[in-house]
Amino acid sequence: MDKVIVTDPPRTPLDRVDLLAAYGVATVHEALGRAGYAGPGIRPVHLGSRVGGTAVTALCWPGDNLMIHAAVEQCRPGDILVVATTSPCTDGLFGELFATALMERGVRGLVTTTGVRDVDDLHRLGFPVWSAAVSAQGTVKATAGSVNTPVVVGGQVICAGDAVLADDDGVVCVPRALVDRTLAASRARAEKEEATRSAFRAGELGLDRYGLRAVLDRLGVRYLTAQEYAAERAAEDGGKGTTP
């Protein structure tokens, strides 16, 4: 592992990030080709936040938050701090004091593969956090890692400056080079979903709108009345009268 702090990574323009964030994690994930999602293991500590920002990354050793301190200095307004460790760790590497420092720098939230603590204080501050765990376990500050080098969160590689979006559905990362393409695809998907929403409100069924009746037919799914189903089950049971 390189023991480096990269001070000037190129960042995705915040106006593009904000437009993406408005669509939400699920829509952007689909628009990206069902990619970028950090998985169900990274969850919001408190519900109700939707944020987007540019990634500042910190790679730490388990149980050691030294590099988070180093990463705070590199944060700018509109960033999201993304923390990972060199091997699995659920210790509480992040808490209220870090959140206070980050808020003063205009940071929009935290995404971490580790644990966090001071949950009530984080909620009081209104600082949104997505983490793998909540843990009161403390840490040391003794081992060098890196800042603004690629990290892996939920199987997704996140690089400094990438767009990171987070809401109640979890976290998705959009590589900086794919932001404009994903934005266009998200817009198209949102328009399509609005048309479908209107159709559902008018009473149309998904079976018809999505052409799924043909799929059911191709898969051999049959429609039976309750009487027909009971008769078939009785025949299969050898006429013993067994109920479904």
Protein backbone atom coordinates (compact mmCIF):
# COMPACT_ATOMS: atom_id res chain seq x y z
CA MET A 1 0.00 0.00 0.00
CA ASP A 2 1.27 3.46 -0.91
CA LYS A 3 1.62 5.69 2.13
CA VAL A 4 0.59 8.87 0.33
CA ILE A 5 -1.76 11.81 0.66
CA VAL A 6 -2.87 13.09 -2.74
CA THR A 7 -3.71 16.76 -2.32
CA ASP A 8 -5.30 17.82 -5.59
CA PRO A 9 -7.44 15.09 -7.22
CA PRO A 10 -9.74 16.29 -10.01
CA ARG A 11 -13.33 16.44 -8.81
CA THR A 12 -16.65 15.97 -10.56
CA PRO A 13 -18.35 19.38 -10.93
CA LEU A 14 -20.79 19.81 -8.05
CA ASP A 15 -23.60 21.02 -10.27
CA ARG A 16 -23.52 17.67 -12.06
CA VAL A 17 -23.39 15.78 -8.76
CA ASP A 18 -26.39 17.69 -7.43
CA LEU A 19 -28.41 16.86 -10.53
CA LEU A 20 -27.57 13.17 -10.13
CA ALA A 21 -28.41 13.16 -6.43
CA ALA A 22 -31.89 14.45 -7.15
CA TYR A 23 -32.72 11.21 -8.98
CA GLY A 24 -31.84 9.01 -6.00
CA VAL A 25 -29.59 6.00 -5.56
CA ALA A 26 -31.93 3.38 -7.05
CA THR A 27 -32.57 5.30 -10.27
CA VAL A 28 -28.90 6.19 -10.77
CA HIS A 29 -27.84 2.60 -10.08
CA GLU A 30 -30.21 1.37 -12.80
CA ALA A 31 -29.15 4.15 -15.18
CA LEU A 32 -25.52 3.18 -14.68
CA GLY A 33 -26.33 -0.32 -15.91
CA ARG A 34 -27.07 -1.75 -12.45
CA ALA A 35 -23.54 -0.90 -11.40
CA GLY A 36 -21.89 1.20 -8.72
CA TYR A 37 -24.10 0.11 -5.81
CA ALA A 38 -22.15 -0.43 -2.57
CA GLY A 39 -24.52 -3.19 -1.48
CA PRO A 40 -26.92 -3.69 1.42
CA GLY A 41 -24.12 -3.81 3.98
CA ILE A 42 -23.61 -0.04 3.87
CA ARG A 43 -26.68 1.48 5.51
CA PRO A 44 -27.72 4.92 6.75
CA VAL A 45 -27.26 5.43 10.46
CA HIS A 46 -30.37 7.64 10.37
CA LEU A 47 -33.10 7.64 7.74
CA GLY A 48 -34.20 10.67 5.82
CA SER A 49 -31.06 12.04 4.17
CA ARG A 50 -30.30 12.28 0.46
CA VAL A 51 -26.88 13.65 -0.42
CA GLY A 52 -24.42 13.74 -3.26
CA GLY A 53 -20.82 14.82 -3.21
CA THR A 54 -17.33 14.28 -4.52
CA ALA A 55 -15.27 11.54 -2.93
CA VAL A 56 -12.34 12.17 -0.65
CA THR A 57 -11.02 8.72 0.24
CA ALA A 58 -9.15 7.44 3.27
CA LEU A 59 -7.62 3.98 3.54
CA CYS A 60 -6.98 3.06 7.16
CA TRP A 61 -5.70 0.08 9.06
CA PRO A 62 -8.24 -1.79 11.20
CA GLY A 63 -8.82 -0.10 14.53
CA ASP A 64 -6.77 2.94 13.50
CA ASN A 65 -8.24 6.29 12.38
CA LEU A 66 -5.02 8.22 11.81
CA MET A 67 -5.71 8.65 8.11
CA ILE A 68 -9.18 10.06 8.75
CA HIS A 69 -7.48 12.93 10.55
CA ALA A 70 -5.25 13.37 7.51
CA ALA A 71 -8.23 13.20 5.14
CA VAL A 72 -10.13 15.95 6.96
CA GLU A 73 -7.48 18.43 5.87
CA GLN A 74 -8.03 17.49 2.22
CA CYS A 75 -11.80 17.96 2.32
CA ARG A 76 -13.53 20.84 0.56
CA PRO A 77 -17.16 22.02 0.47
CA GLY A 78 -19.29 19.52 -1.39
CA ASP A 79 -17.13 16.50 -0.61
CA ILE A 80 -18.20 13.20 0.92
CA LEU A 81 -15.58 11.39 2.99
CA VAL A 82 -15.26 7.72 2.05
CA VAL A 83 -13.38 5.50 4.51
CA ALA A 84 -12.24 1.90 4.04
CA THR A 85 -9.75 -0.34 5.83
CA THR A 86 -7.10 -2.74 4.64
CA SER A 87 -9.03 -5.66 6.17
CA PRO A 88 -12.52 -5.93 7.68
CA CYS A 89 -13.11 -3.73 10.72
CA THR A 90 -16.32 -2.69 12.49
CA ASP A 91 -14.69 -0.59 15.22
CA GLY A 92 -16.03 2.91 15.75
CA LEU A 93 -13.46 4.82 13.70
CA PHE A 94 -15.68 7.89 13.34
CA GLY A 95 -17.75 9.93 15.77
CA GLU A 96 -19.15 13.33 16.67
CA LEU A 97 -15.83 15.17 16.84
CA PHE A 98 -14.94 14.16 13.30
CA ALA A 99 -18.41 15.16 12.15
CA THR A 100 -18.01 18.58 13.74
CA ALA A 101 -14.71 19.12 11.94
CA LEU A 102 -16.11 17.98 8.60
CA MET A 103 -19.22 20.12 8.86
CA GLU A 104 -17.03 23.18 9.35
CA ARG A 105 -15.34 22.32 6.05
CA GLY A 106 -18.62 21.95 4.16
CA VAL A 107 -18.47 18.16 3.87
CA ARG A 108 -21.84 16.62 3.07
CA GLY A 109 -21.55 13.21 4.70
CA LEU A 110 -19.56 10.06 5.44
CA VAL A 111 -19.53 6.62 3.81
CA THR A 112 -17.51 3.99 5.62
CA THR A 113 -16.97 0.24 5.62
CA THR A 114 -16.25 0.49 9.36
CA GLY A 115 -18.31 1.26 12.42
CA VAL A 116 -19.29 4.66 13.74
CA ARG A 117 -20.22 5.84 17.21
CA ASP A 118 -21.82 8.86 18.93
CA VAL A 119 -24.92 8.07 16.90
CA ASP A 120 -27.23 10.33 18.91
CA ASP A 121 -24.82 13.25 18.51
CA LEU A 122 -24.53 12.62 14.76
CA HIS A 123 -28.30 12.75 14.52
CA ARG A 124 -28.43 15.95 16.56
CA LEU A 125 -25.83 17.55 14.32
CA GLY A 126 -27.69 16.46 11.20
CA PHE A 127 -24.55 14.94 9.73
CA PRO A 128 -25.52 12.02 7.45
CA VAL A 129 -23.54 8.79 7.75
CA TRP A 130 -23.67 5.48 5.92
CA SER A 131 -21.71 2.69 7.60
CA ALA A 132 -21.31 -1.05 7.95
CA ALA A 133 -21.83 -1.01 11.71
CA VAL A 134 -22.43 1.01 14.84
CA SER A 135 -19.81 0.37 17.51
CA ALA A 136 -18.55 2.10 20.63
CA GLN A 137 -15.19 0.36 20.24
CA GLY A 138 -12.41 2.97 20.24
CA THR A 139 -9.35 3.24 18.03
CA VAL A 140 -5.68 4.19 17.96
CA LYS A 141 -3.76 6.60 15.73
CA ALA A 142 -0.57 4.76 14.95
CA THR A 143 -0.40 3.30 11.45
CA ALA A 144 0.05 5.05 8.11
CA GLY A 145 -2.40 4.52 5.30
CA SER A 146 -3.34 6.74 2.36
CA VAL A 147 -5.66 9.56 1.35
CA ASN A 148 -7.24 10.10 -2.06
CA THR A 149 -6.13 6.77 -3.47
CA PRO A 150 -8.69 4.21 -4.74
CA VAL A 151 -10.64 2.32 -2.07
CA VAL A 152 -13.17 -0.50 -2.24
CA VAL A 153 -16.59 -0.18 -0.63
CA GLY A 154 -19.03 -3.04 -1.02
CA GLY A 155 -17.09 -4.37 -3.99
CA GLN A 156 -17.11 -0.97 -5.74
CA VAL A 157 -13.88 0.86 -6.47
CA ILE A 158 -14.22 4.51 -5.48
CA CYS A 159 -11.62 7.02 -6.61
CA ALA A 160 -11.07 10.52 -5.31
CA GLY A 161 -13.30 12.96 -7.17
CA ASP A 162 -15.92 10.39 -8.18
CA ALA A 163 -19.57 11.25 -7.60
CA VAL A 164 -20.92 9.52 -4.49
CA LEU A 165 -24.68 9.49 -3.91
CA ALA A 166 -26.39 8.25 -0.77
CA ASP A 167 -29.95 8.01 0.53
CA ASP A 168 -32.18 5.59 2.42
CA ASP A 169 -31.57 2.93 -0.26
CA GLY A 170 -27.80 2.95 0.32
CA VAL A 171 -24.82 4.28 -1.61
CA VAL A 172 -23.89 4.37 -5.28
CA CYS A 173 -20.67 5.61 -6.86
CA VAL A 174 -20.54 7.08 -10.36
CA PRO A 175 -17.02 7.28 -11.81
CA ARG A 176 -16.12 10.82 -12.76
CA ALA A 177 -15.76 9.93 -16.44
CA LEU A 178 -19.28 8.46 -16.56
CA VAL A 179 -21.19 11.25 -14.80
CA ASP A 180 -22.56 13.02 -17.89
CA ARG A 181 -23.63 9.76 -19.53
CA THR A 182 -25.24 8.56 -16.31
CA LEU A 183 -27.01 11.88 -15.85
CA ALA A 184 -28.61 11.60 -19.28
CA ALA A 185 -29.61 7.98 -18.63
CA SER A 186 -31.04 8.91 -15.22
CA ARG A 187 -33.11 11.68 -16.74
CA ALA A 188 -34.50 9.29 -19.37
CA ARG A 189 -35.26 6.66 -16.75
CA ALA A 190 -37.03 9.17 -14.50
CA GLU A 191 -39.21 10.31 -17.40
CA LYS A 192 -40.08 6.71 -18.23
CA GLU A 193 -40.92 5.98 -14.60
CA GLU A 194 -43.20 9.02 -14.44
CA ALA A 195 -45.09 7.77 -17.48
CA THR A 196 -45.45 4.36 -15.85
CA ARG A 197 -46.55 5.95 -12.58
CA SER A 198 -49.29 7.81 -14.43
CA ALA A 199 -50.38 4.59 -16.15
CA PHE A 200 -50.58 2.73 -12.84
CA ARG A 201 -52.63 5.54 -11.34
CA ALA A 202 -55.00 5.14 -14.27
CA GLY A 203 -55.41 1.44 -13.45
CA GLU A 204 -53.06 -0.18 -15.96
CA LEU A 205 -51.36 -3.34 -14.69
CA GLY A 206 -47.66 -4.03 -14.85
CA LEU A 207 -48.50 -7.35 -16.52
CA ASP A 208 -49.86 -5.44 -19.50
CA ARG A 209 -47.56 -2.42 -19.54
CA TYR A 210 -44.42 -4.57 -19.45
CA GLY A 211 -45.78 -7.32 -21.70
CA LEU A 212 -45.43 -9.89 -18.93
CA ARG A 213 -48.44 -12.01 -19.82
CA ALA A 214 -46.45 -13.44 -22.73
CA VAL A 215 -43.60 -14.16 -20.34
CA LEU A 216 -45.89 -16.05 -17.99
CA ASP A 217 -47.30 -18.01 -20.91
CA ARG A 218 -43.83 -18.87 -22.20
CA LEU A 219 -42.86 -20.12 -18.75
CA GLY A 220 -45.89 -22.38 -18.60
CA VAL A 221 -47.84 -20.46 -15.95
CA ARG A 222 -51.58 -21.27 -16.10
CA TYR A 223 -54.64 -19.50 -14.73
CA LEU A 224 -56.97 -21.85 -12.78
CA THR A 225 -60.06 -21.26 -10.72
CA ALA A 226 -59.92 -22.43 -7.11
CA GLN A 227 -62.19 -25.36 -8.04
CA GLU A 228 -59.96 -26.37 -10.95
CA TYR A 229 -56.83 -26.13 -8.74
CA ALA A 230 -58.42 -28.26 -6.00
CA ALA A 231 -59.50 -30.87 -8.56
CA GLU A 232 -55.97 -31.10 -9.97
CA ARG A 233 -54.46 -31.45 -6.51
CA ALA A 234 -56.95 -34.14 -5.61
CA ALA A 235 -56.09 -36.05 -8.77
CA GLU A 236 -52.36 -35.75 -8.03
CA ASP A 237 -52.96 -37.08 -4.53
CA GLY A 238 -54.61 -40.18 -5.92
CA GLY A 239 -58.14 -39.18 -5.06
CA LYS A 240 -57.46 -39.18 -1.29
CA GLY A 241 -59.24 -35.86 -0.84
CA THR A 242 -56.16 -34.01 0.41
CA THR A 243 -56.76 -30.27 0.53
CA PRO A 244 -54.24 -27.84 -0.95
